[in-house]
Amino acid sequence: MLVLCVTGIEDAVSDRSAQGAAVARHGVVPHAAVRPHIVPRSVWAVGGEANSAARTPPPPHYDDRVLAVFVHHTDSPNDYDCADAPRIIRYLAAGQIGARDWDDIGYNFLVDRCGTIYEGRAGGVDRPVTGAHTLGFNHRTAGIAALGTFTAGARVPRAMTDAIAALVAWKLGLAHIDPRTTVRLTSSNSLSRYPKGTVAALPALAAHGDAYMTTCPGAALKALLPEMRKRAARLQGRT
């Protein structure tokens, strides 16, 4: 079971032109990656399993940029037909929005076993939307949920890991972040692995368990994160 939080923050939308000027002044060559195809939330946010909040979510909150990505699994069956992914996402959203009364689905993105990427939390896939996926570290991060359960011994589809790597390369590339690096993030909740206010050094492509006391995203998927970091860096044109 994932523990998510949905505390609000002040809107802080990044000034990309100013960032670009700063990059140019310091002589840094941005490492951008191609944006992968992302299925909009309108494809899944309809139907009986989701309440009206999924169809008409409240105004989103934003950070200034995304410095890290946390990978999760949904702890749901793996043998689904990929055509059923929208229904599965609606079911997850119903549990978070309806049964638990959260404001929106917690994950920024979801990826199915066929490698299809879905928009999760509302607010714009290219913007630094504050999610509700990693207690204490929802700020300046994005959450990607792999549909399925990837504990030890589970097979993780290559299409899924390729899609996650492509998404990470693009999303972190917007802030010129190398997926192989370590970033500094400030904990906002003492129920995480770090007391509130602690500045923690975490991987730019991290497992949920790196920041919260959980085995998520499962041992099988976590074991593949080093290779996904390398793949994402190559997609950014890094050597």
C-alpha atoms as a PDB file:
ATOM      1  CA  MET A   1       0.000   0.000   0.000  1.00  0.00           C
ATOM      2  CA  LEU A   2       1.412   3.362  -0.979  1.00  0.00           C
ATOM      3  CA  VAL A   3       1.257   6.263   1.450  1.00  0.00           C
ATOM      4  CA  LEU A   4       0.639   9.534  -0.358  1.00  0.00           C
ATOM      5  CA  CYS A   5       0.078  13.096   0.802  1.00  0.00           C
ATOM      6  CA  VAL A   6      -1.837  15.924  -0.799  1.00  0.00           C
ATOM      7  CA  THR A   7      -0.827  19.032   1.128  1.00  0.00           C
ATOM      8  CA  GLY A   8      -1.171  22.265  -0.824  1.00  0.00           C
ATOM      9  CA  ILE A   9       1.597  24.754  -1.573  1.00  0.00           C
ATOM     10  CA  GLU A  10       1.917  28.184  -3.144  1.00  0.00           C
ATOM     11  CA  ASP A  11       1.929  28.221  -6.918  1.00  0.00           C
ATOM     12  CA  ALA A  12       5.461  28.633  -8.252  1.00  0.00           C
ATOM     13  CA  VAL A  13       5.649  28.435 -12.041  1.00  0.00           C
ATOM     14  CA  SER A  14       9.144  28.418 -13.500  1.00  0.00           C
ATOM     15  CA  ASP A  15      10.356  31.214 -15.736  1.00  0.00           C
ATOM     16  CA  ARG A  16      11.880  29.116 -18.501  1.00  0.00           C
ATOM     17  CA  SER A  17      13.260  32.041 -20.456  1.00  0.00           C
ATOM     18  CA  ALA A  18      15.215  33.186 -17.393  1.00  0.00           C
ATOM     19  CA  GLN A  19      16.482  29.665 -16.840  1.00  0.00           C
ATOM     20  CA  GLY A  20      17.602  29.473 -20.445  1.00  0.00           C
ATOM     21  CA  ALA A  21      19.470  32.750 -20.123  1.00  0.00           C
ATOM     22  CA  ALA A  22      21.213  31.501 -16.994  1.00  0.00           C
ATOM     23  CA  VAL A  23      22.260  28.332 -18.774  1.00  0.00           C
ATOM     24  CA  ALA A  24      23.652  30.313 -21.686  1.00  0.00           C
ATOM     25  CA  ARG A  25      25.574  32.648 -19.378  1.00  0.00           C
ATOM     26  CA  HIS A  26      27.295  29.737 -17.688  1.00  0.00           C
ATOM     27  CA  GLY A  27      28.136  28.036 -20.962  1.00  0.00           C
ATOM     28  CA  VAL A  28      26.179  24.854 -20.158  1.00  0.00           C
ATOM     29  CA  VAL A  29      24.767  22.941 -23.110  1.00  0.00           C
ATOM     30  CA  PRO A  30      21.236  21.737 -22.224  1.00  0.00           C
ATOM     31  CA  HIS A  31      20.646  18.024 -22.627  1.00  0.00           C
ATOM     32  CA  ALA A  32      17.097  17.852 -23.886  1.00  0.00           C
ATOM     33  CA  ALA A  33      15.346  14.635 -24.866  1.00  0.00           C
ATOM     34  CA  VAL A  34      12.418  14.078 -27.182  1.00  0.00           C
ATOM     35  CA  ARG A  35       9.070  14.071 -25.432  1.00  0.00           C
ATOM     36  CA  PRO A  36       7.556  10.578 -25.627  1.00  0.00           C
ATOM     37  CA  HIS A  37       3.906  10.086 -26.526  1.00  0.00           C
ATOM     38  CA  ILE A  38       1.750  10.629 -23.441  1.00  0.00           C
ATOM     39  CA  VAL A  39      -1.909   9.629 -23.448  1.00  0.00           C
ATOM     40  CA  PRO A  40      -3.970  12.469 -21.911  1.00  0.00           C
ATOM     41  CA  ARG A  41      -5.967  11.900 -18.742  1.00  0.00           C
ATOM     42  CA  SER A  42      -9.192  12.507 -20.647  1.00  0.00           C
ATOM     43  CA  VAL A  43      -8.771   8.957 -21.986  1.00  0.00           C
ATOM     44  CA  TRP A  44      -9.088   7.385 -18.530  1.00  0.00           C
ATOM     45  CA  ALA A  45     -10.852   9.996 -16.356  1.00  0.00           C
ATOM     46  CA  VAL A  46     -14.341   8.896 -17.391  1.00  0.00           C
ATOM     47  CA  GLY A  47     -16.438   5.909 -16.430  1.00  0.00           C
ATOM     48  CA  GLY A  48     -18.055   4.439 -13.360  1.00  0.00           C
ATOM     49  CA  GLU A  49     -14.915   3.773 -11.320  1.00  0.00           C
ATOM     50  CA  ALA A  50     -13.839   7.422 -11.054  1.00  0.00           C
ATOM     51  CA  ASN A  51     -15.769  10.155  -9.305  1.00  0.00           C
ATOM     52  CA  SER A  52     -16.380  13.639 -10.660  1.00  0.00           C
ATOM     53  CA  ALA A  53     -13.084  14.928  -9.223  1.00  0.00           C
ATOM     54  CA  ALA A  54     -11.178  12.835 -11.760  1.00  0.00           C
ATOM     55  CA  ARG A  55     -13.132  14.413 -14.587  1.00  0.00           C
ATOM     56  CA  THR A  56     -13.030  17.959 -13.171  1.00  0.00           C
ATOM     57  CA  PRO A  57     -10.030  18.111 -10.802  1.00  0.00           C
ATOM     58  CA  PRO A  58      -9.327  21.147  -8.603  1.00  0.00           C
ATOM     59  CA  PRO A  59      -6.692  23.688  -9.665  1.00  0.00           C
ATOM     60  CA  PRO A  60      -3.218  22.116  -9.563  1.00  0.00           C
ATOM     61  CA  HIS A  61      -0.254  23.329  -7.544  1.00  0.00           C
ATOM     62  CA  TYR A  62       3.173  23.860  -9.088  1.00  0.00           C
ATOM     63  CA  ASP A  63       6.793  23.882  -8.012  1.00  0.00           C
ATOM     64  CA  ASP A  64       9.473  25.831  -9.872  1.00  0.00           C
ATOM     65  CA  ARG A  65      10.951  22.752 -11.609  1.00  0.00           C
ATOM     66  CA  VAL A  66      11.333  18.984 -11.369  1.00  0.00           C
ATOM     67  CA  LEU A  67      14.701  17.851 -10.016  1.00  0.00           C
ATOM     68  CA  ALA A  68      13.952  14.162  -9.462  1.00  0.00           C
ATOM     69  CA  VAL A  69      11.575  11.388 -10.411  1.00  0.00           C
ATOM     70  CA  PHE A  70      10.296   8.680  -8.065  1.00  0.00           C
ATOM     71  CA  VAL A  71       9.302   5.299  -9.483  1.00  0.00           C
ATOM     72  CA  HIS A  72       6.433   3.329  -7.935  1.00  0.00           C
ATOM     73  CA  HIS A  73       4.466   0.213  -8.666  1.00  0.00           C
ATOM     74  CA  THR A  74       0.718   0.014  -8.149  1.00  0.00           C
ATOM     75  CA  ASP A  75       0.654  -3.337  -6.322  1.00  0.00           C
ATOM     76  CA  SER A  76      -1.973  -4.611  -8.759  1.00  0.00           C
ATOM     77  CA  PRO A  77      -2.098  -7.704 -11.036  1.00  0.00           C
ATOM     78  CA  ASN A  78       0.417  -7.997 -13.888  1.00  0.00           C
ATOM     79  CA  ASP A  79      -1.593 -10.124 -16.327  1.00  0.00           C
ATOM     80  CA  TYR A  80      -3.891  -7.379 -17.586  1.00  0.00           C
ATOM     81  CA  ASP A  81      -4.675  -6.637 -21.200  1.00  0.00           C
ATOM     82  CA  CYS A  82      -3.092  -3.281 -22.054  1.00  0.00           C
ATOM     83  CA  ALA A  83      -6.391  -2.166 -23.540  1.00  0.00           C
ATOM     84  CA  ASP A  84      -7.710  -2.287 -19.951  1.00  0.00           C
ATOM     85  CA  ALA A  85      -5.089   0.166 -18.635  1.00  0.00           C
ATOM     86  CA  PRO A  86      -7.492   3.149 -18.626  1.00  0.00           C
ATOM     87  CA  ARG A  87      -9.970   1.138 -16.530  1.00  0.00           C
ATOM     88  CA  ILE A  88      -7.189   0.145 -14.103  1.00  0.00           C
ATOM     89  CA  ILE A  89      -6.116   3.770 -13.760  1.00  0.00           C
ATOM     90  CA  ARG A  90      -9.724   4.792 -13.105  1.00  0.00           C
ATOM     91  CA  TYR A  91      -9.860   2.164 -10.367  1.00  0.00           C
ATOM     92  CA  LEU A  92      -6.657   3.520  -8.795  1.00  0.00           C
ATOM     93  CA  ALA A  93      -7.981   7.070  -9.044  1.00  0.00           C
ATOM     94  CA  ALA A  94     -11.261   6.036  -7.423  1.00  0.00           C
ATOM     95  CA  GLY A  95      -9.359   4.634  -4.458  1.00  0.00           C
ATOM     96  CA  GLN A  96      -7.319   7.799  -4.037  1.00  0.00           C
ATOM     97  CA  ILE A  97      -9.878  10.446  -4.953  1.00  0.00           C
ATOM     98  CA  GLY A  98     -13.106   8.802  -3.874  1.00  0.00           C
ATOM     99  CA  ALA A  99     -12.525   6.347  -1.032  1.00  0.00           C
ATOM    100  CA  ARG A 100      -9.675   8.360   0.533  1.00  0.00           C
ATOM    101  CA  ASP A 101     -10.977  11.818  -0.402  1.00  0.00           C
ATOM    102  CA  TRP A 102      -7.763  13.057  -1.993  1.00  0.00           C
ATOM    103  CA  ASP A 103      -7.934  15.946  -4.452  1.00  0.00           C
ATOM    104  CA  ASP A 104      -6.589  14.009  -7.478  1.00  0.00           C
ATOM    105  CA  ILE A 105      -4.682  10.884  -8.382  1.00  0.00           C
ATOM    106  CA  GLY A 106      -1.275  11.094  -6.740  1.00  0.00           C
ATOM    107  CA  TYR A 107       1.004  10.001  -9.589  1.00  0.00           C
ATOM    108  CA  ASN A 108       2.060  12.420 -12.306  1.00  0.00           C
ATOM    109  CA  PHE A 109       2.355   9.586 -14.833  1.00  0.00           C
ATOM    110  CA  LEU A 110       1.482   5.918 -15.157  1.00  0.00           C
ATOM    111  CA  VAL A 111       3.066   3.359 -17.502  1.00  0.00           C
ATOM    112  CA  ASP A 112       1.519   0.046 -18.517  1.00  0.00           C
ATOM    113  CA  ARG A 113       3.299  -3.201 -19.380  1.00  0.00           C
ATOM    114  CA  CYS A 114       3.116  -2.430 -23.102  1.00  0.00           C
ATOM    115  CA  GLY A 115       5.029   0.820 -22.607  1.00  0.00           C
ATOM    116  CA  THR A 116       2.101   3.217 -22.977  1.00  0.00           C
ATOM    117  CA  ILE A 117       2.523   6.360 -20.878  1.00  0.00           C
ATOM    118  CA  TYR A 118      -0.551   7.997 -19.346  1.00  0.00           C
ATOM    119  CA  GLU A 119      -0.928  11.442 -17.873  1.00  0.00           C
ATOM    120  CA  GLY A 120      -1.910  11.117 -14.219  1.00  0.00           C
ATOM    121  CA  ARG A 121      -2.313  14.152 -11.994  1.00  0.00           C
ATOM    122  CA  ALA A 122      -3.831  17.155 -13.757  1.00  0.00           C
ATOM    123  CA  GLY A 123      -1.937  20.353 -14.483  1.00  0.00           C
ATOM    124  CA  GLY A 124       0.061  19.782 -17.663  1.00  0.00           C
ATOM    125  CA  VAL A 125       2.596  17.060 -18.400  1.00  0.00           C
ATOM    126  CA  ASP A 126       5.288  19.587 -19.339  1.00  0.00           C
ATOM    127  CA  ARG A 127       4.846  21.621 -16.150  1.00  0.00           C
ATOM    128  CA  PRO A 128       6.259  20.961 -12.638  1.00  0.00           C
ATOM    129  CA  VAL A 129       2.975  19.780 -11.131  1.00  0.00           C
ATOM    130  CA  THR A 130       3.217  18.982  -7.427  1.00  0.00           C
ATOM    131  CA  GLY A 131       2.083  15.392  -7.013  1.00  0.00           C
ATOM    132  CA  ALA A 132       1.045  13.265  -4.024  1.00  0.00           C
ATOM    133  CA  HIS A 133       3.193  10.196  -4.523  1.00  0.00           C
ATOM    134  CA  THR A 134       6.136  10.260  -2.091  1.00  0.00           C
ATOM    135  CA  LEU A 135       5.445  11.421   1.453  1.00  0.00           C
ATOM    136  CA  GLY A 136       7.845  14.217   2.367  1.00  0.00           C
ATOM    137  CA  PHE A 137       9.225  14.597  -1.144  1.00  0.00           C
ATOM    138  CA  ASN A 138       6.379  15.654  -3.410  1.00  0.00           C
ATOM    139  CA  HIS A 139       7.963  19.054  -4.038  1.00  0.00           C
ATOM    140  CA  ARG A 140      10.241  19.479  -7.075  1.00  0.00           C
ATOM    141  CA  THR A 141       9.671  15.851  -8.058  1.00  0.00           C
ATOM    142  CA  ALA A 142       7.445  13.771 -10.324  1.00  0.00           C
ATOM    143  CA  GLY A 143       5.977  10.355  -9.611  1.00  0.00           C
ATOM    144  CA  ILE A 144       5.805   7.578 -12.214  1.00  0.00           C
ATOM    145  CA  ALA A 145       3.731   4.497 -11.374  1.00  0.00           C
ATOM    146  CA  ALA A 146       4.348   1.206 -13.151  1.00  0.00           C
ATOM    147  CA  LEU A 147       1.046  -0.653 -13.466  1.00  0.00           C
ATOM    148  CA  GLY A 148       1.578  -4.000 -11.759  1.00  0.00           C
ATOM    149  CA  THR A 149       3.464  -5.659  -8.922  1.00  0.00           C
ATOM    150  CA  PHE A 150       7.227  -6.001  -9.308  1.00  0.00           C
ATOM    151  CA  THR A 151       8.445  -7.718  -6.187  1.00  0.00           C
ATOM    152  CA  ALA A 152      11.395 -10.132  -6.278  1.00  0.00           C
ATOM    153  CA  GLY A 153      11.112 -12.679  -9.075  1.00  0.00           C
ATOM    154  CA  ALA A 154       8.572 -10.722 -11.120  1.00  0.00           C
ATOM    155  CA  ARG A 155       9.244 -10.114 -14.794  1.00  0.00           C
ATOM    156  CA  VAL A 156       9.433  -6.432 -15.658  1.00  0.00           C
ATOM    157  CA  PRO A 157       8.541  -5.874 -19.330  1.00  0.00           C
ATOM    158  CA  ARG A 158      11.270  -4.191 -21.379  1.00  0.00           C
ATOM    159  CA  ALA A 159       8.631  -1.999 -23.039  1.00  0.00           C
ATOM    160  CA  MET A 160       7.752  -0.625 -19.615  1.00  0.00           C
ATOM    161  CA  THR A 161      11.323   0.175 -18.569  1.00  0.00           C
ATOM    162  CA  ASP A 162      12.097   1.695 -21.976  1.00  0.00           C
ATOM    163  CA  ALA A 163       9.060   3.958 -21.634  1.00  0.00           C
ATOM    164  CA  ILE A 164      10.002   4.996 -18.101  1.00  0.00           C
ATOM    165  CA  ALA A 165      13.558   5.807 -19.231  1.00  0.00           C
ATOM    166  CA  ALA A 166      12.250   7.906 -22.132  1.00  0.00           C
ATOM    167  CA  LEU A 167       9.832   9.757 -19.850  1.00  0.00           C
ATOM    168  CA  VAL A 168      12.548  10.405 -17.264  1.00  0.00           C
ATOM    169  CA  ALA A 169      14.989  11.628 -19.920  1.00  0.00           C
ATOM    170  CA  TRP A 170      12.461  14.137 -21.210  1.00  0.00           C
ATOM    171  CA  LYS A 171      11.062  15.272 -17.849  1.00  0.00           C
ATOM    172  CA  LEU A 172      14.447  15.761 -16.157  1.00  0.00           C
ATOM    173  CA  GLY A 173      15.866  17.258 -19.331  1.00  0.00           C
ATOM    174  CA  LEU A 174      13.463  20.187 -18.941  1.00  0.00           C
ATOM    175  CA  ALA A 175      15.545  21.223 -15.909  1.00  0.00           C
ATOM    176  CA  HIS A 176      18.883  20.061 -17.401  1.00  0.00           C
ATOM    177  CA  ILE A 177      19.170  17.243 -14.828  1.00  0.00           C
ATOM    178  CA  ASP A 178      21.379  14.222 -15.541  1.00  0.00           C
ATOM    179  CA  PRO A 179      19.329  11.107 -14.596  1.00  0.00           C
ATOM    180  CA  ARG A 180      22.499   9.509 -13.184  1.00  0.00           C
ATOM    181  CA  THR A 181      23.227  12.290 -10.723  1.00  0.00           C
ATOM    182  CA  THR A 182      22.277  12.936  -7.106  1.00  0.00           C
ATOM    183  CA  VAL A 183      20.102  15.903  -6.195  1.00  0.00           C
ATOM    184  CA  ARG A 184      19.329  17.647  -2.924  1.00  0.00           C
ATOM    185  CA  LEU A 185      15.708  17.734  -1.788  1.00  0.00           C
ATOM    186  CA  THR A 186      14.200  19.017   1.442  1.00  0.00           C
ATOM    187  CA  SER A 187      11.874  16.743   3.411  1.00  0.00           C
ATOM    188  CA  SER A 188       8.479  18.232   4.228  1.00  0.00           C
ATOM    189  CA  ASN A 189       7.315  15.435   6.538  1.00  0.00           C
ATOM    190  CA  SER A 190       9.036  13.612   9.398  1.00  0.00           C
ATOM    191  CA  LEU A 191       7.132  10.413   8.562  1.00  0.00           C
ATOM    192  CA  SER A 192       9.422  10.005   5.572  1.00  0.00           C
ATOM    193  CA  ARG A 193      12.936   8.559   5.895  1.00  0.00           C
ATOM    194  CA  TYR A 194      14.157  12.057   6.763  1.00  0.00           C
ATOM    195  CA  PRO A 195      12.925  14.457   9.476  1.00  0.00           C
ATOM    196  CA  LYS A 196      11.079  17.523   8.238  1.00  0.00           C
ATOM    197  CA  GLY A 197      13.525  20.196   7.085  1.00  0.00           C
ATOM    198  CA  THR A 198      16.344  17.750   6.390  1.00  0.00           C
ATOM    199  CA  VAL A 199      18.149  18.257   3.085  1.00  0.00           C
ATOM    200  CA  ALA A 200      18.583  14.780   1.660  1.00  0.00           C
ATOM    201  CA  ALA A 201      20.844  13.654  -1.177  1.00  0.00           C
ATOM    202  CA  LEU A 202      18.738  11.377  -3.384  1.00  0.00           C
ATOM    203  CA  PRO A 203      19.093   9.883  -6.876  1.00  0.00           C
ATOM    204  CA  ALA A 204      17.563  11.983  -9.639  1.00  0.00           C
ATOM    205  CA  LEU A 205      15.854   8.761 -10.707  1.00  0.00           C
ATOM    206  CA  ALA A 206      14.845   7.233  -7.390  1.00  0.00           C
ATOM    207  CA  ALA A 207      12.757   4.424  -5.971  1.00  0.00           C
ATOM    208  CA  HIS A 208       9.831   5.312  -3.733  1.00  0.00           C
ATOM    209  CA  GLY A 209      11.656   3.421  -0.978  1.00  0.00           C
ATOM    210  CA  ASP A 210      14.640   5.780  -1.189  1.00  0.00           C
ATOM    211  CA  ALA A 211      12.536   8.452   0.514  1.00  0.00           C
ATOM    212  CA  TYR A 212       9.832   6.531   2.377  1.00  0.00           C
ATOM    213  CA  MET A 213       9.829   3.333   4.436  1.00  0.00           C
ATOM    214  CA  THR A 214       8.481   0.979   1.789  1.00  0.00           C
ATOM    215  CA  THR A 215       9.688  -1.736  -0.569  1.00  0.00           C
ATOM    216  CA  CYS A 216       7.962   0.063  -3.467  1.00  0.00           C
ATOM    217  CA  PRO A 217       8.531  -0.192  -6.451  1.00  0.00           C
ATOM    218  CA  GLY A 218       9.417  -3.807  -5.687  1.00  0.00           C
ATOM    219  CA  ALA A 219      12.811  -5.485  -5.777  1.00  0.00           C
ATOM    220  CA  ALA A 220      12.551  -6.527  -9.437  1.00  0.00           C
ATOM    221  CA  LEU A 221      11.826  -3.031 -10.712  1.00  0.00           C
ATOM    222  CA  LYS A 222      14.244  -1.318  -8.316  1.00  0.00           C
ATOM    223  CA  ALA A 223      17.058  -3.556  -9.570  1.00  0.00           C
ATOM    224  CA  LEU A 224      16.574  -2.114 -13.061  1.00  0.00           C
ATOM    225  CA  LEU A 225      16.854   1.546 -12.035  1.00  0.00           C
ATOM    226  CA  PRO A 226      20.638   1.770 -12.631  1.00  0.00           C
ATOM    227  CA  GLU A 227      20.200   0.647 -16.243  1.00  0.00           C
ATOM    228  CA  MET A 228      17.232   3.005 -16.692  1.00  0.00           C
ATOM    229  CA  ARG A 229      19.386   5.886 -15.450  1.00  0.00           C
ATOM    230  CA  LYS A 230      22.014   5.067 -18.071  1.00  0.00           C
ATOM    231  CA  ARG A 231      19.404   4.694 -20.795  1.00  0.00           C
ATOM    232  CA  ALA A 232      17.761   8.004 -19.884  1.00  0.00           C
ATOM    233  CA  ALA A 233      21.139   9.765 -19.918  1.00  0.00           C
ATOM    234  CA  ARG A 234      21.874   8.386 -23.394  1.00  0.00           C
ATOM    235  CA  LEU A 235      18.504   9.661 -24.587  1.00  0.00           C
ATOM    236  CA  GLN A 236      19.575  13.104 -23.347  1.00  0.00           C
ATOM    237  CA  GLY A 237      22.690  12.824 -25.481  1.00  0.00           C
ATOM    238  CA  ARG A 238      25.029  12.360 -22.547  1.00  0.00           C
ATOM    239  CA  THR A 239      28.073  10.105 -22.688  1.00  0.00           C
END
